[in-house]
C-alpha atoms as a PDB file:
ATOM      1  CA  MET A   1       0.000   0.000   0.000  1.00  0.00           C
ATOM      2  CA  SER A   2       1.045   3.618  -0.311  1.00  0.00           C
ATOM      3  CA  ALA A   3       2.963   5.441   2.378  1.00  0.00           C
ATOM      4  CA  THR A   4      -0.323   6.522   3.958  1.00  0.00           C
ATOM      5  CA  VAL A   5      -1.377   3.114   5.177  1.00  0.00           C
ATOM      6  CA  ARG A   6      -0.075   1.531   8.327  1.00  0.00           C
ATOM      7  CA  PRO A   7       1.733  -1.830   7.836  1.00  0.00           C
ATOM      8  CA  VAL A   8      -0.521  -4.624   9.060  1.00  0.00           C
ATOM      9  CA  ILE A   9       2.291  -7.173   8.872  1.00  0.00           C
ATOM     10  CA  TRP A  10       4.281  -5.163  11.434  1.00  0.00           C
ATOM     11  CA  LEU A  11       1.331  -5.412  13.787  1.00  0.00           C
ATOM     12  CA  LEU A  12       1.199  -9.186  13.371  1.00  0.00           C
ATOM     13  CA  LEU A  13       4.949  -9.447  13.919  1.00  0.00           C
ATOM     14  CA  PHE A  14       4.828  -7.270  17.022  1.00  0.00           C
ATOM     15  CA  LEU A  15       1.939  -9.215  18.552  1.00  0.00           C
ATOM     16  CA  SER A  16       3.621 -12.527  17.716  1.00  0.00           C
ATOM     17  CA  LEU A  17       6.869 -11.499  19.410  1.00  0.00           C
ATOM     18  CA  VAL A  18       4.985 -10.373  22.504  1.00  0.00           C
ATOM     19  CA  VAL A  19       3.156 -13.719  22.666  1.00  0.00           C
ATOM     20  CA  ILE A  20       6.349 -15.757  22.197  1.00  0.00           C
ATOM     21  CA  GLY A  21       8.238 -13.808  24.844  1.00  0.00           C
ATOM     22  CA  THR A  22       5.407 -14.016  27.323  1.00  0.00           C
ATOM     23  CA  VAL A  23       4.865 -17.748  26.779  1.00  0.00           C
ATOM     24  CA  LEU A  24       8.570 -18.422  27.344  1.00  0.00           C
ATOM     25  CA  LEU A  25       8.571 -16.406  30.546  1.00  0.00           C
ATOM     26  CA  SER A  26       5.396 -18.141  31.727  1.00  0.00           C
ATOM     27  CA  ILE A  27       6.889 -21.579  31.082  1.00  0.00           C
ATOM     28  CA  SER A  28       9.973 -20.613  33.039  1.00  0.00           C
ATOM     29  CA  GLY A  29       7.774 -19.530  35.933  1.00  0.00           C
ATOM     30  CA  LEU A  30       9.058 -15.954  35.877  1.00  0.00           C
ATOM     31  CA  ILE A  31       5.582 -14.518  35.281  1.00  0.00           C
ATOM     32  CA  PRO A  32       2.104 -15.996  35.797  1.00  0.00           C
ATOM     33  CA  VAL A  33      -0.180 -16.763  32.871  1.00  0.00           C
ATOM     34  CA  ARG A  34      -2.632 -13.898  32.355  1.00  0.00           C
ATOM     35  CA  GLU A  35      -5.521 -13.098  30.085  1.00  0.00           C
ATOM     36  CA  ASN A  36      -4.839 -11.043  26.987  1.00  0.00           C
ATOM     37  CA  ILE A  37      -5.398  -7.306  27.376  1.00  0.00           C
ATOM     38  CA  TYR A  38      -6.970  -5.419  24.472  1.00  0.00           C
ATOM     39  CA  PRO A  39      -7.610  -1.723  23.788  1.00  0.00           C
ATOM     40  CA  GLY A  40     -10.792  -0.271  25.231  1.00  0.00           C
ATOM     41  CA  ILE A  41     -12.551   3.070  25.509  1.00  0.00           C
ATOM     42  CA  VAL A  42     -12.661   4.665  28.946  1.00  0.00           C
ATOM     43  CA  PRO A  43     -14.817   7.808  28.683  1.00  0.00           C
ATOM     44  CA  GLY A  44     -13.582  10.770  30.667  1.00  0.00           C
ATOM     45  CA  ASP A  45     -15.460  13.540  32.414  1.00  0.00           C
ATOM     46  CA  GLU A  46     -15.780  15.690  29.303  1.00  0.00           C
ATOM     47  CA  SER A  47     -19.271  16.900  28.480  1.00  0.00           C
ATOM     48  CA  GLY A  48     -20.871  17.850  25.221  1.00  0.00           C
ATOM     49  CA  VAL A  49     -21.827  16.371  21.879  1.00  0.00           C
ATOM     50  CA  ARG A  50     -20.526  17.328  18.436  1.00  0.00           C
ATOM     51  CA  ASP A  51     -22.505  16.716  15.258  1.00  0.00           C
ATOM     52  CA  VAL A  52     -20.459  15.207  12.427  1.00  0.00           C
ATOM     53  CA  THR A  53     -22.065  15.182   8.975  1.00  0.00           C
ATOM     54  CA  HIS A  54     -20.900  13.041   6.061  1.00  0.00           C
ATOM     55  CA  ARG A  55     -22.318  13.458   2.557  1.00  0.00           C
ATOM     56  CA  PHE A  56     -22.245  10.836  -0.172  1.00  0.00           C
ATOM     57  CA  SER A  57     -24.073   9.704  -3.301  1.00  0.00           C
ATOM     58  CA  TYR A  58     -25.833   6.430  -4.019  1.00  0.00           C
ATOM     59  CA  CYS A  59     -27.954   5.584  -7.061  1.00  0.00           C
ATOM     60  CA  SER A  60     -27.429   9.138  -8.357  1.00  0.00           C
ATOM     61  CA  GLN A  61     -29.024  10.523  -5.199  1.00  0.00           C
ATOM     62  CA  ASP A  62     -27.202  12.723  -2.705  1.00  0.00           C
ATOM     63  CA  HIS A  63     -27.506  11.777   0.958  1.00  0.00           C
ATOM     64  CA  ALA A  64     -26.252  13.077   4.301  1.00  0.00           C
ATOM     65  CA  VAL A  65     -25.763  11.250   7.584  1.00  0.00           C
ATOM     66  CA  THR A  66     -25.371  13.355  10.723  1.00  0.00           C
ATOM     67  CA  VAL A  67     -23.852  11.592  13.710  1.00  0.00           C
ATOM     68  CA  PRO A  68     -23.962  13.086  17.230  1.00  0.00           C
ATOM     69  CA  VAL A  69     -20.620  12.122  18.777  1.00  0.00           C
ATOM     70  CA  GLU A  70     -20.192  12.219  22.540  1.00  0.00           C
ATOM     71  CA  THR A  71     -17.031  14.129  23.384  1.00  0.00           C
ATOM     72  CA  ALA A  72     -16.217  11.836  26.319  1.00  0.00           C
ATOM     73  CA  VAL A  73     -16.402   8.723  24.123  1.00  0.00           C
ATOM     74  CA  TYR A  74     -14.366  10.248  21.303  1.00  0.00           C
ATOM     75  CA  LEU A  75     -11.611  11.526  23.580  1.00  0.00           C
ATOM     76  CA  GLY A  76     -11.640   8.253  25.507  1.00  0.00           C
ATOM     77  CA  ALA A  77     -11.010   6.452  22.227  1.00  0.00           C
ATOM     78  CA  LYS A  78      -8.223   8.886  21.320  1.00  0.00           C
ATOM     79  CA  ARG A  79      -6.517   8.337  24.665  1.00  0.00           C
ATOM     80  CA  SER A  80      -6.760   4.558  24.574  1.00  0.00           C
ATOM     81  CA  PRO A  81      -3.516   2.697  23.808  1.00  0.00           C
ATOM     82  CA  LYS A  82      -3.897   0.915  20.488  1.00  0.00           C
ATOM     83  CA  GLU A  83      -1.613  -2.021  21.209  1.00  0.00           C
ATOM     84  CA  ALA A  84      -2.670  -5.338  22.750  1.00  0.00           C
ATOM     85  CA  ARG A  85      -0.836  -7.291  25.438  1.00  0.00           C
ATOM     86  CA  MET A  86      -0.881 -10.937  24.454  1.00  0.00           C
ATOM     87  CA  TYR A  87      -0.264 -13.584  27.114  1.00  0.00           C
ATOM     88  CA  SER A  88      -1.472 -16.677  25.266  1.00  0.00           C
ATOM     89  CA  LYS A  89      -0.366 -18.409  22.100  1.00  0.00           C
ATOM     90  CA  MET A  90      -2.802 -18.278  19.194  1.00  0.00           C
ATOM     91  CA  SER A  91      -2.892 -18.350  15.400  1.00  0.00           C
ATOM     92  CA  PRO A  92      -2.542 -15.123  13.375  1.00  0.00           C
ATOM     93  CA  GLU A  93      -6.243 -15.356  12.474  1.00  0.00           C
ATOM     94  CA  GLU A  94      -7.290 -15.674  16.127  1.00  0.00           C
ATOM     95  CA  MET A  95      -4.930 -12.896  17.119  1.00  0.00           C
ATOM     96  CA  MET A  96      -6.309 -10.478  14.531  1.00  0.00           C
ATOM     97  CA  GLN A  97      -9.918 -11.501  15.236  1.00  0.00           C
ATOM     98  CA  GLU A  98      -9.635 -10.689  18.929  1.00  0.00           C
ATOM     99  CA  TYR A  99      -7.629  -7.518  18.321  1.00  0.00           C
ATOM    100  CA  TYR A 100     -10.044  -6.005  15.790  1.00  0.00           C
ATOM    101  CA  SER A 101     -13.067  -7.115  17.826  1.00  0.00           C
ATOM    102  CA  ALA A 102     -11.876  -4.889  20.658  1.00  0.00           C
ATOM    103  CA  PHE A 103     -12.329  -1.872  18.384  1.00  0.00           C
ATOM    104  CA  ILE A 104     -15.410  -2.969  16.470  1.00  0.00           C
ATOM    105  CA  PHE A 105     -17.524  -4.125  19.413  1.00  0.00           C
ATOM    106  CA  ASP A 106     -16.502  -1.747  22.202  1.00  0.00           C
ATOM    107  CA  GLY A 107     -19.721  -1.121  24.125  1.00  0.00           C
ATOM    108  CA  CYS A 108     -19.139   2.624  24.410  1.00  0.00           C
ATOM    109  CA  GLN A 109     -19.855   2.935  20.678  1.00  0.00           C
ATOM    110  CA  GLU A 110     -23.316   1.348  20.598  1.00  0.00           C
ATOM    111  CA  GLY A 111     -24.948   4.764  20.626  1.00  0.00           C
ATOM    112  CA  LEU A 112     -22.769   5.845  17.705  1.00  0.00           C
ATOM    113  CA  TYR A 113     -23.705   2.793  15.650  1.00  0.00           C
ATOM    114  CA  GLY A 114     -27.356   3.338  16.486  1.00  0.00           C
ATOM    115  CA  GLU A 115     -27.277   6.935  15.229  1.00  0.00           C
ATOM    116  CA  ILE A 116     -25.525   6.005  11.971  1.00  0.00           C
ATOM    117  CA  LEU A 117     -27.825   3.076  11.266  1.00  0.00           C
ATOM    118  CA  ALA A 118     -30.959   5.086  12.046  1.00  0.00           C
ATOM    119  CA  ASP A 119     -30.108   7.480   9.204  1.00  0.00           C
ATOM    120  CA  LEU A 120     -29.046   4.711   6.822  1.00  0.00           C
ATOM    121  CA  ARG A 121     -32.182   2.666   7.546  1.00  0.00           C
ATOM    122  CA  SER A 122     -34.258   5.759   6.834  1.00  0.00           C
ATOM    123  CA  ILE A 123     -32.571   6.105   3.439  1.00  0.00           C
ATOM    124  CA  ARG A 124     -33.130   2.383   2.821  1.00  0.00           C
ATOM    125  CA  ASP A 125     -36.818   2.577   3.631  1.00  0.00           C
ATOM    126  CA  GLU A 126     -37.452   5.781   1.683  1.00  0.00           C
ATOM    127  CA  SER A 127     -35.641   4.371  -1.365  1.00  0.00           C
ATOM    128  CA  GLY A 128     -37.121   0.871  -1.117  1.00  0.00           C
ATOM    129  CA  LEU A 129     -33.715  -0.826  -1.085  1.00  0.00           C
ATOM    130  CA  ASP A 130     -33.391  -4.597  -0.877  1.00  0.00           C
ATOM    131  CA  ASP A 131     -30.720  -6.387   1.187  1.00  0.00           C
ATOM    132  CA  ASP A 132     -28.108  -6.186  -1.585  1.00  0.00           C
ATOM    133  CA  GLU A 133     -28.720  -2.498  -2.182  1.00  0.00           C
ATOM    134  CA  TYR A 134     -28.697  -1.763   1.533  1.00  0.00           C
ATOM    135  CA  LEU A 135     -25.294  -3.428   1.842  1.00  0.00           C
ATOM    136  CA  GLU A 136     -24.078  -1.236  -1.013  1.00  0.00           C
ATOM    137  CA  LEU A 137     -25.423   1.793   0.852  1.00  0.00           C
ATOM    138  CA  LEU A 138     -23.482   0.817   3.986  1.00  0.00           C
ATOM    139  CA  ALA A 139     -20.356   0.350   1.884  1.00  0.00           C
ATOM    140  CA  VAL A 140     -20.553   3.628  -0.017  1.00  0.00           C
ATOM    141  CA  PHE A 141     -21.145   5.546   3.221  1.00  0.00           C
ATOM    142  CA  VAL A 142     -17.856   4.209   4.610  1.00  0.00           C
ATOM    143  CA  GLN A 143     -16.025   4.510   1.282  1.00  0.00           C
ATOM    144  CA  SER A 144     -16.940   8.192   1.096  1.00  0.00           C
ATOM    145  CA  LEU A 145     -15.314   9.141   4.407  1.00  0.00           C
ATOM    146  CA  PRO A 146     -12.088  11.193   4.227  1.00  0.00           C
ATOM    147  CA  PHE A 147      -8.913   9.167   3.794  1.00  0.00           C
ATOM    148  CA  GLU A 148      -6.509   9.738   6.682  1.00  0.00           C
ATOM    149  CA  GLY A 149      -3.530   7.720   7.823  1.00  0.00           C
ATOM    150  CA  GLU A 150       0.238   7.572   8.157  1.00  0.00           C
ATOM    151  CA  PHE A 151       2.579   4.697   7.261  1.00  0.00           C
ATOM    152  CA  ASN A 152       4.321   4.707  10.632  1.00  0.00           C
ATOM    153  CA  GLU A 153       1.127   4.518  12.695  1.00  0.00           C
ATOM    154  CA  THR A 154       0.467   1.414  14.737  1.00  0.00           C
ATOM    155  CA  GLY A 155      -2.870   0.015  15.767  1.00  0.00           C
ATOM    156  CA  VAL A 156      -6.373   0.624  14.525  1.00  0.00           C
ATOM    157  CA  LYS A 157      -8.702   3.530  15.181  1.00  0.00           C
ATOM    158  CA  PHE A 158     -11.940   2.999  17.024  1.00  0.00           C
ATOM    159  CA  PRO A 159     -14.903   3.600  14.673  1.00  0.00           C
ATOM    160  CA  VAL A 160     -15.838   6.728  16.644  1.00  0.00           C
ATOM    161  CA  GLU A 161     -12.422   8.158  15.736  1.00  0.00           C
ATOM    162  CA  THR A 162     -12.908   7.251  12.084  1.00  0.00           C
ATOM    163  CA  ILE A 163     -16.282   9.003  11.984  1.00  0.00           C
ATOM    164  CA  VAL A 164     -14.728  12.205  13.332  1.00  0.00           C
ATOM    165  CA  GLU A 165     -11.346  12.114  11.577  1.00  0.00           C
ATOM    166  CA  GLY A 166     -11.582   9.762   8.621  1.00  0.00           C
ATOM    167  CA  GLY A 167      -9.231   6.817   8.384  1.00  0.00           C
ATOM    168  CA  ASP A 168      -7.246   4.397   6.248  1.00  0.00           C
ATOM    169  CA  CYS A 169      -8.019   0.879   5.084  1.00  0.00           C
ATOM    170  CA  ASP A 170      -8.138  -0.935   8.413  1.00  0.00           C
ATOM    171  CA  ASP A 171      -9.909   1.930  10.217  1.00  0.00           C
ATOM    172  CA  ARG A 172     -12.665   1.994   7.601  1.00  0.00           C
ATOM    173  CA  SER A 173     -12.827  -1.798   7.458  1.00  0.00           C
ATOM    174  CA  ALA A 174     -13.432  -1.943  11.209  1.00  0.00           C
ATOM    175  CA  LEU A 175     -16.253   0.600  10.889  1.00  0.00           C
ATOM    176  CA  LEU A 176     -17.904  -1.180   7.960  1.00  0.00           C
ATOM    177  CA  ILE A 177     -17.731  -4.562   9.697  1.00  0.00           C
ATOM    178  CA  GLY A 178     -19.297  -2.953  12.762  1.00  0.00           C
ATOM    179  CA  LEU A 179     -22.212  -1.701  10.663  1.00  0.00           C
ATOM    180  CA  MET A 180     -22.600  -4.941   8.707  1.00  0.00           C
ATOM    181  CA  THR A 181     -22.610  -7.245  11.722  1.00  0.00           C
ATOM    182  CA  ARG A 182     -25.227  -5.114  13.460  1.00  0.00           C
ATOM    183  CA  GLU A 183     -27.423  -5.400  10.379  1.00  0.00           C
ATOM    184  CA  GLY A 184     -27.077  -9.179  10.225  1.00  0.00           C
ATOM    185  CA  TYR A 185     -24.615  -9.545   7.333  1.00  0.00           C
ATOM    186  CA  ASP A 186     -22.009 -12.312   7.272  1.00  0.00           C
ATOM    187  CA  ALA A 187     -18.863 -10.156   7.335  1.00  0.00           C
ATOM    188  CA  ALA A 188     -15.135 -10.828   7.289  1.00  0.00           C
ATOM    189  CA  LEU A 189     -11.907  -8.856   7.375  1.00  0.00           C
ATOM    190  CA  LEU A 190      -9.554  -9.545   4.453  1.00  0.00           C
ATOM    191  CA  VAL A 191      -5.960  -8.949   5.539  1.00  0.00           C
ATOM    192  CA  PHE A 192      -3.430  -8.726   2.685  1.00  0.00           C
ATOM    193  CA  ASP A 193      -0.569  -8.597   5.136  1.00  0.00           C
ATOM    194  CA  GLY A 194       2.175  -8.802   2.515  1.00  0.00           C
ATOM    195  CA  LYS A 195       0.690  -5.767   0.765  1.00  0.00           C
ATOM    196  CA  PHE A 196      -0.090  -3.640   3.828  1.00  0.00           C
ATOM    197  CA  HIS A 197      -3.778  -3.551   2.870  1.00  0.00           C
ATOM    198  CA  THR A 198      -7.073  -4.641   4.384  1.00  0.00           C
ATOM    199  CA  ALA A 199     -10.566  -4.853   2.935  1.00  0.00           C
ATOM    200  CA  VAL A 200     -13.942  -6.316   3.912  1.00  0.00           C
ATOM    201  CA  GLY A 201     -15.664  -9.467   2.735  1.00  0.00           C
ATOM    202  CA  VAL A 202     -19.380 -10.237   2.579  1.00  0.00           C
ATOM    203  CA  ARG A 203     -20.699 -13.776   2.162  1.00  0.00           C
ATOM    204  CA  ASP A 204     -21.486 -14.345  -1.517  1.00  0.00           C
ATOM    205  CA  GLY A 205     -24.962 -15.824  -1.821  1.00  0.00           C
ATOM    206  CA  SER A 206     -24.005 -17.627  -5.029  1.00  0.00           C
ATOM    207  CA  GLY A 207     -21.165 -19.433  -3.269  1.00  0.00           C
ATOM    208  CA  ALA A 208     -18.686 -18.015  -5.783  1.00  0.00           C
ATOM    209  CA  GLY A 209     -16.930 -15.565  -3.480  1.00  0.00           C
ATOM    210  CA  GLU A 210     -13.249 -15.309  -4.353  1.00  0.00           C
ATOM    211  CA  TYR A 211     -11.995 -15.467  -0.783  1.00  0.00           C
ATOM    212  CA  GLY A 212     -13.405 -18.466   1.040  1.00  0.00           C
ATOM    213  CA  GLY A 213     -16.920 -17.678  -0.148  1.00  0.00           C
ATOM    214  CA  TYR A 214     -16.657 -13.939   0.546  1.00  0.00           C
ATOM    215  CA  ALA A 215     -16.990 -11.168  -2.036  1.00  0.00           C
ATOM    216  CA  TYR A 216     -14.517  -8.283  -1.846  1.00  0.00           C
ATOM    217  CA  ILE A 217     -15.458  -4.803  -0.589  1.00  0.00           C
ATOM    218  CA  GLU A 218     -12.893  -2.017  -0.943  1.00  0.00           C
ATOM    219  CA  THR A 219     -13.238   0.641   1.779  1.00  0.00           C
ATOM    220  CA  THR A 220     -10.811   3.405   0.762  1.00  0.00           C
ATOM    221  CA  VAL A 221     -12.540   4.565  -2.440  1.00  0.00           C
ATOM    222  CA  VAL A 222     -16.046   4.192  -3.861  1.00  0.00           C
ATOM    223  CA  MET A 223     -16.043   0.902  -5.752  1.00  0.00           C
ATOM    224  CA  PRO A 224     -18.830  -1.634  -6.346  1.00  0.00           C
ATOM    225  CA  VAL A 225     -19.268  -4.526  -3.945  1.00  0.00           C
ATOM    226  CA  GLY A 226     -17.661  -7.628  -5.428  1.00  0.00           C
ATOM    227  CA  VAL A 227     -15.106  -5.703  -7.499  1.00  0.00           C
ATOM    228  CA  LYS A 228     -11.536  -6.092  -6.278  1.00  0.00           C
ATOM    229  CA  ALA A 229      -8.992  -3.302  -6.415  1.00  0.00           C
ATOM    230  CA  VAL A 230      -6.564  -4.123  -9.219  1.00  0.00           C
ATOM    231  CA  ALA A 231      -3.664  -2.052  -7.911  1.00  0.00           C
ATOM    232  CA  LEU A 232      -2.487   0.022  -4.993  1.00  0.00           C
ATOM    233  CA  ALA A 233      -1.281   3.587  -5.353  1.00  0.00           C
ATOM    234  CA  ASN A 234       2.327   2.448  -4.983  1.00  0.00           C
ATOM    235  CA  GLY A 235       1.966   0.239  -8.063  1.00  0.00           C
ATOM    236  CA  ASP A 236       1.646  -3.025  -6.143  1.00  0.00           C
ATOM    237  CA  VAL A 237      -1.131  -5.497  -6.967  1.00  0.00           C
ATOM    238  CA  LEU A 238      -3.276  -7.667  -4.703  1.00  0.00           C
ATOM    239  CA  ASP A 239      -1.989 -10.976  -6.029  1.00  0.00           C
ATOM    240  CA  ILE A 240      -1.809 -12.866  -2.719  1.00  0.00           C
ATOM    241  CA  GLU A 241      -4.404 -14.732  -0.698  1.00  0.00           C
ATOM    242  CA  PRO A 242      -5.535 -12.734   2.341  1.00  0.00           C
ATOM    243  CA  LEU A 243      -6.239 -13.917   5.832  1.00  0.00           C
ATOM    244  CA  VAL A 244     -10.041 -14.225   6.030  1.00  0.00           C
ATOM    245  CA  ILE A 245     -11.274 -13.375   9.513  1.00  0.00           C
ATOM    246  CA  ARG A 246     -15.017 -13.657  10.177  1.00  0.00           C
ATOM    247  CA  PHE A 247     -16.836 -11.424  12.655  1.00  0.00           C
ATOM    248  CA  GLY A 248     -20.238 -11.812  14.258  1.00  0.00           C
ATOM    249  CA  ASP A 249     -22.847 -14.435  13.469  1.00  0.00           C
ATOM    250  CA  GLY A 250     -24.753 -12.742  10.656  1.00  0.00           C
ATOM    251  CA  THR A 251     -26.415 -14.758   7.905  1.00  0.00           C
ATOM    252  CA  ARG A 252     -27.329 -12.138   5.301  1.00  0.00           C
ATOM    253  CA  CYS A 253     -25.478 -12.646   2.015  1.00  0.00           C
ATOM    254  CA  TYR A 254     -24.836 -10.540  -1.072  1.00  0.00           C
ATOM    255  CA  HIS A 255     -26.259 -11.735  -4.399  1.00  0.00           C
ATOM    256  CA  GLY A 256     -25.305  -8.855  -6.672  1.00  0.00           C
ATOM    257  CA  ARG A 257     -22.091 -10.209  -8.229  1.00  0.00           C
ATOM    258  CA  GLY A 258     -22.024 -10.059 -11.981  1.00  0.00           C
ATOM    259  CA  GLU A 259     -24.385  -7.095 -12.311  1.00  0.00           C
ATOM    260  CA  ASP A 260     -23.297  -3.962 -14.116  1.00  0.00           C
ATOM    261  CA  PRO A 261     -22.211  -1.717 -11.232  1.00  0.00           C
ATOM    262  CA  GLY A 262     -23.119   1.319 -13.317  1.00  0.00           C
ATOM    263  CA  GLN A 263     -26.781   0.346 -12.981  1.00  0.00           C
ATOM    264  CA  ARG A 264     -26.658   1.078  -9.273  1.00  0.00           C
ATOM    265  CA  ARG A 265     -23.645   3.158  -8.412  1.00  0.00           C
ATOM    266  CA  ALA A 266     -21.239   5.701  -9.812  1.00  0.00           C
ATOM    267  CA  GLY A 267     -17.949   7.163  -8.692  1.00  0.00           C
ATOM    268  CA  GLU A 268     -15.700   4.105  -8.717  1.00  0.00           C
ATOM    269  CA  GLY A 269     -12.010   4.676  -8.213  1.00  0.00           C
ATOM    270  CA  PRO A 270     -10.118   5.109 -11.502  1.00  0.00           C
ATOM    271  CA  GLN A 271      -9.141   1.692 -12.864  1.00  0.00           C
ATOM    272  CA  GLY A 272      -9.615   0.179  -9.413  1.00  0.00           C
ATOM    273  CA  ILE A 273      -6.546   1.928  -7.989  1.00  0.00           C
ATOM    274  CA  VAL A 274      -6.800   2.509  -4.248  1.00  0.00           C
ATOM    275  CA  PRO A 275      -4.714   4.530  -1.774  1.00  0.00           C
END
């Protein structure tokens, strides 16, 4: 990925080294075995609410979603350390699943998700969208957020931070998975760790999903669901198999693969090139 996306593989390496070191010390009896410690939001005493409005287009219609963000929750997320302390040995998939879950499902953000989904459900109902189209609406909302990120950052942003500030591929992916799982979709994180890129997967109802039955969703630019980015801004291509990490227990699938994306959406990234 370009120099504006944090390196996911470094995160995996860091967490793996922490686990190995801790397991060795535990075996030697120098430290007791403990439960893993993950990032979490601890709201402070700050008062107030700020309204954050994001505008986007879907089906040639302009929409706006206004999200009231509690200052205490946002600043609590900003202050939270983004690294995890791992005290047990686990696979890379398990490690990433637990790490990202800490951001996606933090209970302090339920109000935030509720506000976002209330507006998006209203658009769905007014426009008469089916399940496939509603998934596309969720995706384009996230894809339209400002891109923000630095190569030397570590950790993921909480979705409340992404709503306020924008984010890069893994920040946006965490937000989209949070929305999808709460709406009952079968969602997965696609981690292209050798390419420093992440995306989202949705269960393909036809069973033809490219990645373990999941169709690709890019989150950094507006692109149709099921269409994979062909290249990254640094000229690299996504020619490796990603880690596929499922979240939640949703059962809704996407059946729109193979349709002309121009029939539903416009504004795709040029030639499928993403930041």
